């Protein structure tokens, strides 16, 4: 079966910070987004969209202390059958006229296509006591804490 996707905008990283720039026809979709502190951004790993990465289903120990071989669905790797990513981002401000959402962070490169935006709502998105394997149990417990965490000590690449 074939599915059709169309980017609604792009991630922009410049000297002023990080923001999502919507295509003009999607700007009306921002209506009533004010008041939400965070959004879930679905974006395309466009830099990793190739046949080799789409066919990689296992990888050798990407994280310190992780199993020797891991399935792609147990990782946040960009190499996956459908290179779709998800990031919860804190909103700094929204420019409703120009279709720009300034965010504190998103782990996407400049000009990365954005597929969708959904408001972060604790009733659907927050898990009070999530379980994780022992090998990643010392990772930060929130996106806020992740900002100052030394991720270089975690990854094996």
Protein backbone atom coordinates (compact mmCIF):
# COMPACT_ATOMS: atom_id res chain seq x y z
CA UNK A 1 0.00 0.00 0.00
CA UNK A 2 1.25 3.51 -0.78
CA UNK A 3 0.80 6.50 1.49
CA UNK A 4 1.16 10.11 0.52
CA UNK A 5 2.77 12.68 2.81
CA UNK A 6 3.32 16.37 2.30
CA UNK A 7 5.59 18.47 4.49
CA UNK A 8 3.74 21.23 6.33
CA UNK A 9 6.93 23.19 6.96
CA UNK A 10 10.61 22.99 7.84
CA UNK A 11 12.82 23.13 10.87
CA UNK A 12 15.03 26.20 10.78
CA UNK A 13 18.20 26.65 12.81
CA UNK A 14 19.96 29.98 12.58
CA UNK A 15 21.82 32.50 14.73
CA UNK A 16 18.55 33.51 16.41
CA UNK A 17 17.66 29.97 17.50
CA UNK A 18 15.42 27.14 16.39
CA UNK A 19 11.97 27.42 14.91
CA UNK A 20 9.44 25.66 12.72
CA UNK A 21 8.45 27.60 9.64
CA UNK A 22 5.10 26.49 8.25
CA UNK A 23 4.18 26.63 4.59
CA UNK A 24 1.69 29.48 4.07
CA UNK A 25 -1.30 27.22 3.39
CA UNK A 26 -0.88 25.55 6.84
CA UNK A 27 -0.71 28.74 8.93
CA UNK A 28 -4.47 28.61 9.77
CA UNK A 29 -3.72 25.30 11.55
CA UNK A 30 -2.01 27.28 14.33
CA UNK A 31 -5.33 28.69 15.53
CA UNK A 32 -5.81 28.09 19.30
CA UNK A 33 -2.31 26.61 19.80
CA UNK A 34 -1.50 29.38 22.29
CA UNK A 35 -1.58 28.22 25.88
CA UNK A 36 0.13 24.90 25.16
CA UNK A 37 3.65 24.87 26.55
CA UNK A 38 4.90 22.04 24.32
CA UNK A 39 4.21 20.43 20.96
CA UNK A 40 4.96 17.02 19.52
CA UNK A 41 6.70 17.50 16.20
CA UNK A 42 6.70 14.68 13.67
CA UNK A 43 9.52 15.17 11.19
CA UNK A 44 11.28 13.31 8.39
CA UNK A 45 14.87 12.06 8.83
CA UNK A 46 15.50 13.44 5.35
CA UNK A 47 19.29 13.12 5.66
CA UNK A 48 18.89 9.35 6.17
CA UNK A 49 16.24 8.59 3.58
CA UNK A 50 17.95 5.98 1.39
CA UNK A 51 17.51 2.29 0.61
CA UNK A 52 20.37 1.14 2.84
CA UNK A 53 19.07 2.94 5.94
CA UNK A 54 15.48 1.88 5.24
CA UNK A 55 16.59 -1.76 5.19
CA UNK A 56 18.66 -1.66 8.37
CA UNK A 57 16.63 -3.50 11.00
CA UNK A 58 19.38 -4.17 13.52
CA UNK A 59 22.40 -2.25 14.71
CA UNK A 60 25.46 -3.08 16.77
CA UNK A 61 25.34 -1.65 20.31
CA UNK A 62 24.59 2.03 19.65
CA UNK A 63 24.56 2.90 23.37
CA UNK A 64 27.04 2.17 26.18
CA UNK A 65 25.91 -0.84 28.18
CA UNK A 66 23.14 -1.73 25.71
CA UNK A 67 22.72 -5.23 24.25
CA UNK A 68 25.33 -6.19 21.63
CA UNK A 69 22.72 -6.11 18.86
CA UNK A 70 19.55 -4.06 18.95
CA UNK A 71 16.52 -3.97 16.71
CA UNK A 72 15.84 -0.56 15.19
CA UNK A 73 12.51 -0.33 17.04
CA UNK A 74 14.44 -0.41 20.34
CA UNK A 75 16.46 2.66 19.26
CA UNK A 76 15.85 6.25 18.20
CA UNK A 77 18.10 5.72 15.20
CA UNK A 78 17.37 7.60 11.97
CA UNK A 79 18.08 4.38 10.05
CA UNK A 80 14.67 2.71 9.97
CA UNK A 81 12.04 1.44 7.49
CA UNK A 82 10.17 4.77 7.55
CA UNK A 83 12.47 7.61 8.61
CA UNK A 84 9.92 9.36 10.83
CA UNK A 85 11.03 11.14 14.00
CA UNK A 86 9.16 12.54 16.98
CA UNK A 87 10.35 15.31 19.30
CA UNK A 88 8.50 16.98 22.15
CA UNK A 89 9.53 20.65 21.94
CA UNK A 90 8.88 23.53 24.29
CA UNK A 91 7.27 26.54 22.64
CA UNK A 92 8.99 29.89 23.19
CA UNK A 93 6.51 31.86 21.08
CA UNK A 94 4.23 31.59 18.08
CA UNK A 95 4.09 34.07 15.22
CA UNK A 96 0.56 33.45 13.94
CA UNK A 97 0.96 35.92 11.06
CA UNK A 98 4.12 34.42 9.59
CA UNK A 99 3.52 30.80 10.62
CA UNK A 100 6.57 30.46 12.82
CA UNK A 101 6.84 28.49 16.07
CA UNK A 102 10.03 29.25 17.99
CA UNK A 103 11.08 26.27 20.15
CA UNK A 104 13.81 25.68 22.72
CA UNK A 105 15.08 22.50 21.03
CA UNK A 106 14.44 19.96 18.33
CA UNK A 107 16.97 17.30 17.35
CA UNK A 108 16.57 17.93 13.62
CA UNK A 109 18.89 19.60 11.13
CA UNK A 110 18.23 22.87 9.36
CA UNK A 111 15.66 22.49 6.54
CA UNK A 112 14.37 19.17 7.87
CA UNK A 113 10.78 18.58 6.64
CA UNK A 114 8.06 18.75 9.30
CA UNK A 115 5.19 16.30 8.73
CA UNK A 116 2.80 17.26 11.54
CA UNK A 117 2.47 19.13 14.82
CA UNK A 118 0.29 18.06 17.71
CA UNK A 119 -0.16 19.77 21.07
CA UNK A 120 1.51 17.98 23.95
CA UNK A 121 -1.25 17.03 26.38
CA UNK A 122 -0.35 15.14 29.56
CA UNK A 123 -3.54 13.08 29.43
CA UNK A 124 -2.33 11.44 26.18
CA UNK A 125 1.43 11.99 26.12
CA UNK A 126 2.71 11.69 29.69
CA UNK A 127 3.43 8.40 31.39
CA UNK A 128 3.78 8.74 35.16
CA UNK A 129 6.13 5.81 35.73
CA UNK A 130 7.69 4.66 32.47
CA UNK A 131 9.86 1.56 32.51
CA UNK A 132 13.20 1.40 30.73
CA UNK A 133 15.94 -1.24 30.49
CA UNK A 134 18.76 -1.10 33.05
CA UNK A 135 21.31 0.02 30.42
CA UNK A 136 19.49 3.38 29.95
CA UNK A 137 18.05 3.81 33.45
CA UNK A 138 20.62 6.52 34.30
CA UNK A 139 19.64 8.71 31.35
CA UNK A 140 17.85 11.99 32.14
CA UNK A 141 14.25 11.65 33.30
CA UNK A 142 12.96 14.61 31.26
CA UNK A 143 13.61 16.67 28.15
CA UNK A 144 14.58 19.57 30.40
CA UNK A 145 17.32 17.53 32.06
CA UNK A 146 18.50 16.19 28.69
CA UNK A 147 19.69 19.63 27.63
CA UNK A 148 22.68 19.64 29.97
CA UNK A 149 23.35 15.88 29.89
CA UNK A 150 26.60 14.69 28.28
CA UNK A 151 25.15 12.46 25.57
CA UNK A 152 28.68 11.83 24.25
CA UNK A 153 29.19 9.38 27.12
CA UNK A 154 26.17 7.35 25.98
CA UNK A 155 26.56 6.89 22.23
CA UNK A 156 29.08 4.51 20.65
CA UNK A 157 29.54 6.54 17.47
